Amino acid sequence: MLARVEFYESFFSGVTLWATKLEQIVQIGNHIASTYGLAAMDALHLAAALSVDAEEFVTTEKTTQPMHRVTEIKIVLIATE
């Protein structure tokens, strides 16, 4: 448990940009979810990335999942299928 806490503390201490425009994120997330059939949490994660002008979204979601239909941001798969 301690190793996990240390990992999270280390990881989050390096964050330089936080997605804080919550109203905008919810609106974008709603659009993405309804347009592409994504689950709410996936849509909100993508919306947060879009709200900070991210160039790509890295995921382990298989290419058969709805997330890969989203065209507003480049989706990058880091797992083997």
N, C-alpha and C. Protein backbone atom coordinates (compact mmCIF):
# COMPACT_ATOMS: atom_id res chain seq x y z
N MET A 1 0.83 -1.20 0.00
CA MET A 1 0.00 0.00 0.00
C MET A 1 0.87 1.26 0.00
N LEU A 2 1.93 1.24 0.78
CA LEU A 2 2.80 2.40 0.87
C LEU A 2 3.46 2.70 -0.48
N ALA A 3 3.86 1.65 -1.20
CA ALA A 3 4.48 1.85 -2.51
C ALA A 3 3.51 2.52 -3.47
N ARG A 4 2.24 2.14 -3.40
CA ARG A 4 1.23 2.74 -4.27
C ARG A 4 1.04 4.22 -3.93
N VAL A 5 0.99 4.54 -2.66
CA VAL A 5 0.84 5.93 -2.23
C VAL A 5 2.04 6.74 -2.71
N GLU A 6 3.22 6.20 -2.57
CA GLU A 6 4.43 6.91 -3.01
C GLU A 6 4.40 7.12 -4.53
N PHE A 7 3.93 6.11 -5.27
CA PHE A 7 3.83 6.25 -6.72
C PHE A 7 2.89 7.40 -7.07
N TYR A 8 1.69 7.42 -6.46
CA TYR A 8 0.71 8.47 -6.77
C TYR A 8 1.24 9.84 -6.38
N GLU A 9 1.87 9.95 -5.23
CA GLU A 9 2.42 11.23 -4.82
C GLU A 9 3.49 11.71 -5.80
N SER A 10 4.32 10.80 -6.24
CA SER A 10 5.37 11.15 -7.19
C SER A 10 4.76 11.55 -8.55
N PHE A 11 3.82 10.76 -9.00
CA PHE A 11 3.19 11.03 -10.29
C PHE A 11 2.48 12.38 -10.28
N PHE A 12 1.64 12.62 -9.30
CA PHE A 12 0.84 13.84 -9.29
C PHE A 12 1.66 15.09 -8.95
N SER A 13 2.79 14.92 -8.31
CA SER A 13 3.63 16.09 -8.04
C SER A 13 4.24 16.63 -9.32
N GLY A 14 4.29 15.80 -10.37
CA GLY A 14 4.85 16.23 -11.64
C GLY A 14 3.84 16.84 -12.60
N VAL A 15 2.58 16.87 -12.21
CA VAL A 15 1.55 17.42 -13.08
C VAL A 15 1.75 18.93 -13.20
N THR A 16 1.78 19.41 -14.43
CA THR A 16 1.98 20.85 -14.64
C THR A 16 0.71 21.55 -15.12
N LEU A 17 -0.29 20.78 -15.53
CA LEU A 17 -1.52 21.37 -16.03
C LEU A 17 -2.71 20.53 -15.58
N TRP A 18 -3.64 21.16 -14.89
CA TRP A 18 -4.84 20.47 -14.40
C TRP A 18 -6.05 20.93 -15.19
N ALA A 19 -6.92 20.00 -15.49
CA ALA A 19 -8.18 20.32 -16.16
C ALA A 19 -9.16 20.80 -15.10
N THR A 20 -9.43 22.10 -15.08
CA THR A 20 -10.25 22.68 -14.01
C THR A 20 -11.55 23.32 -14.48
N LYS A 21 -11.77 23.37 -15.78
CA LYS A 21 -12.98 24.00 -16.31
C LYS A 21 -14.14 22.99 -16.28
N LEU A 22 -14.65 22.74 -15.08
CA LEU A 22 -15.59 21.64 -14.88
C LEU A 22 -16.87 21.76 -15.70
N GLU A 23 -17.45 22.94 -15.79
CA GLU A 23 -18.67 23.10 -16.57
C GLU A 23 -18.41 22.77 -18.04
N GLN A 24 -17.31 23.26 -18.57
CA GLN A 24 -16.94 22.98 -19.95
C GLN A 24 -16.69 21.48 -20.15
N ILE A 25 -16.01 20.85 -19.21
CA ILE A 25 -15.71 19.43 -19.30
C ILE A 25 -17.00 18.62 -19.33
N VAL A 26 -17.95 18.97 -18.49
CA VAL A 26 -19.23 18.24 -18.46
C VAL A 26 -19.97 18.42 -19.77
N GLN A 27 -19.98 19.63 -20.30
CA GLN A 27 -20.67 19.88 -21.58
C GLN A 27 -20.02 19.09 -22.72
N ILE A 28 -18.71 19.14 -22.81
CA ILE A 28 -18.00 18.39 -23.85
C ILE A 28 -18.20 16.89 -23.64
N GLY A 29 -18.13 16.45 -22.40
CA GLY A 29 -18.32 15.04 -22.10
C GLY A 29 -19.70 14.55 -22.49
N ASN A 30 -20.70 15.35 -22.25
CA ASN A 30 -22.06 15.00 -22.64
C ASN A 30 -22.16 14.86 -24.15
N HIS A 31 -21.55 15.80 -24.87
CA HIS A 31 -21.56 15.74 -26.33
C HIS A 31 -20.85 14.48 -26.83
N ILE A 32 -19.69 14.20 -26.29
CA ILE A 32 -18.92 13.02 -26.71
C ILE A 32 -19.68 11.73 -26.40
N ALA A 33 -20.24 11.65 -25.21
CA ALA A 33 -20.98 10.44 -24.82
C ALA A 33 -22.17 10.20 -25.73
N SER A 34 -22.92 11.25 -26.02
CA SER A 34 -24.12 11.07 -26.84
C SER A 34 -23.79 10.88 -28.32
N THR A 35 -22.69 11.46 -28.77
CA THR A 35 -22.30 11.32 -30.18
C THR A 35 -21.68 9.96 -30.48
N TYR A 36 -20.83 9.49 -29.59
CA TYR A 36 -20.06 8.29 -29.87
C TYR A 36 -20.46 7.07 -29.03
N GLY A 37 -21.41 7.23 -28.12
CA GLY A 37 -21.87 6.11 -27.32
C GLY A 37 -20.90 5.69 -26.22
N LEU A 38 -20.15 6.63 -25.69
CA LEU A 38 -19.21 6.32 -24.62
C LEU A 38 -19.88 6.32 -23.26
N ALA A 39 -19.30 5.56 -22.35
CA ALA A 39 -19.71 5.62 -20.95
C ALA A 39 -19.32 6.98 -20.39
N ALA A 40 -20.03 7.41 -19.37
CA ALA A 40 -19.82 8.76 -18.82
C ALA A 40 -18.38 9.01 -18.41
N MET A 41 -17.76 8.09 -17.70
CA MET A 41 -16.39 8.33 -17.21
C MET A 41 -15.40 8.45 -18.36
N ASP A 42 -15.54 7.60 -19.38
CA ASP A 42 -14.65 7.71 -20.54
C ASP A 42 -14.85 9.05 -21.25
N ALA A 43 -16.09 9.46 -21.40
CA ALA A 43 -16.38 10.74 -22.05
C ALA A 43 -15.81 11.91 -21.25
N LEU A 44 -15.91 11.86 -19.95
CA LEU A 44 -15.37 12.93 -19.11
C LEU A 44 -13.84 12.97 -19.17
N HIS A 45 -13.20 11.80 -19.21
CA HIS A 45 -11.75 11.77 -19.33
C HIS A 45 -11.31 12.42 -20.65
N LEU A 46 -11.99 12.08 -21.73
CA LEU A 46 -11.66 12.68 -23.02
C LEU A 46 -11.94 14.18 -23.02
N ALA A 47 -13.05 14.57 -22.42
CA ALA A 47 -13.40 15.99 -22.33
C ALA A 47 -12.37 16.77 -21.54
N ALA A 48 -11.86 16.18 -20.48
CA ALA A 48 -10.82 16.86 -19.69
C ALA A 48 -9.57 17.05 -20.55
N ALA A 49 -9.21 16.04 -21.31
CA ALA A 49 -8.05 16.16 -22.20
C ALA A 49 -8.27 17.26 -23.23
N LEU A 50 -9.46 17.28 -23.81
CA LEU A 50 -9.77 18.32 -24.80
C LEU A 50 -9.77 19.72 -24.19
N SER A 51 -10.20 19.83 -22.94
CA SER A 51 -10.29 21.14 -22.29
C SER A 51 -8.93 21.78 -22.06
N VAL A 52 -7.88 20.97 -22.07
CA VAL A 52 -6.53 21.51 -21.90
C VAL A 52 -5.73 21.43 -23.21
N ASP A 53 -6.48 21.23 -24.31
CA ASP A 53 -5.87 21.19 -25.65
C ASP A 53 -4.82 20.09 -25.81
N ALA A 54 -5.09 18.94 -25.20
CA ALA A 54 -4.19 17.80 -25.38
C ALA A 54 -4.18 17.37 -26.84
N GLU A 55 -3.05 16.92 -27.31
CA GLU A 55 -2.92 16.47 -28.70
C GLU A 55 -3.35 15.02 -28.87
N GLU A 56 -3.22 14.23 -27.81
CA GLU A 56 -3.60 12.83 -27.89
C GLU A 56 -4.06 12.32 -26.53
N PHE A 57 -4.80 11.20 -26.58
CA PHE A 57 -5.30 10.56 -25.38
C PHE A 57 -4.80 9.12 -25.37
N VAL A 58 -4.02 8.76 -24.37
CA VAL A 58 -3.42 7.44 -24.28
C VAL A 58 -4.33 6.53 -23.45
N THR A 59 -4.59 5.32 -23.97
CA THR A 59 -5.52 4.42 -23.31
C THR A 59 -5.12 2.96 -23.52
N THR A 60 -5.69 2.10 -22.71
CA THR A 60 -5.55 0.66 -22.90
C THR A 60 -6.84 0.07 -23.46
N GLU A 61 -7.81 0.92 -23.78
CA GLU A 61 -9.08 0.46 -24.35
C GLU A 61 -8.83 -0.16 -25.72
N LYS A 62 -9.39 -1.33 -25.96
CA LYS A 62 -9.24 -2.00 -27.26
C LYS A 62 -9.85 -1.15 -28.37
N THR A 63 -9.35 -1.34 -29.56
CA THR A 63 -9.82 -0.54 -30.69
C THR A 63 -11.26 -0.83 -31.08
N THR A 64 -11.84 -1.87 -30.53
CA THR A 64 -13.24 -2.18 -30.78
C THR A 64 -14.17 -1.37 -29.89
N GLN A 65 -13.62 -0.65 -28.93
CA GLN A 65 -14.42 0.14 -27.99
C GLN A 65 -14.79 1.49 -28.60
N PRO A 66 -15.93 2.06 -28.17
CA PRO A 66 -16.41 3.32 -28.72
C PRO A 66 -15.42 4.48 -28.64
N MET A 67 -14.52 4.45 -27.67
CA MET A 67 -13.56 5.53 -27.51
C MET A 67 -12.78 5.78 -28.81
N HIS A 68 -12.53 4.73 -29.55
CA HIS A 68 -11.72 4.85 -30.76
C HIS A 68 -12.49 5.44 -31.94
N ARG A 69 -13.77 5.71 -31.75
CA ARG A 69 -14.55 6.40 -32.79
C ARG A 69 -14.46 7.92 -32.66
N VAL A 70 -14.00 8.39 -31.53
CA VAL A 70 -13.91 9.83 -31.27
C VAL A 70 -12.91 10.46 -32.24
N THR A 71 -13.32 11.53 -32.89
CA THR A 71 -12.46 12.19 -33.88
C THR A 71 -11.86 13.51 -33.40
N GLU A 72 -12.32 14.00 -32.27
CA GLU A 72 -11.85 15.31 -31.79
C GLU A 72 -10.43 15.29 -31.23
N ILE A 73 -9.92 14.10 -30.94
CA ILE A 73 -8.58 13.96 -30.38
C ILE A 73 -8.01 12.63 -30.85
N LYS A 74 -6.70 12.58 -31.02
CA LYS A 74 -6.04 11.34 -31.43
C LYS A 74 -6.04 10.37 -30.25
N ILE A 75 -6.54 9.16 -30.48
CA ILE A 75 -6.57 8.12 -29.45
C ILE A 75 -5.40 7.18 -29.70
N VAL A 76 -4.57 6.98 -28.68
CA VAL A 76 -3.39 6.14 -28.80
C VAL A 76 -3.54 4.93 -27.89
N LEU A 77 -3.46 3.75 -28.47
CA LEU A 77 -3.55 2.50 -27.73
C LEU A 77 -2.15 2.08 -27.29
N ILE A 78 -1.98 1.79 -25.99
CA ILE A 78 -0.67 1.38 -25.50
C ILE A 78 -0.66 -0.08 -25.06
N ALA A 79 -1.70 -0.82 -25.37
CA ALA A 79 -1.75 -2.24 -25.01
C ALA A 79 -1.85 -3.07 -26.28
N THR A 80 -1.47 -4.31 -26.17
CA THR A 80 -1.64 -5.19 -27.32
C THR A 80 -3.04 -5.77 -27.30
N GLU A 81 -3.57 -6.01 -28.47
CA GLU A 81 -4.93 -6.52 -28.55
C GLU A 81 -4.93 -8.01 -28.67
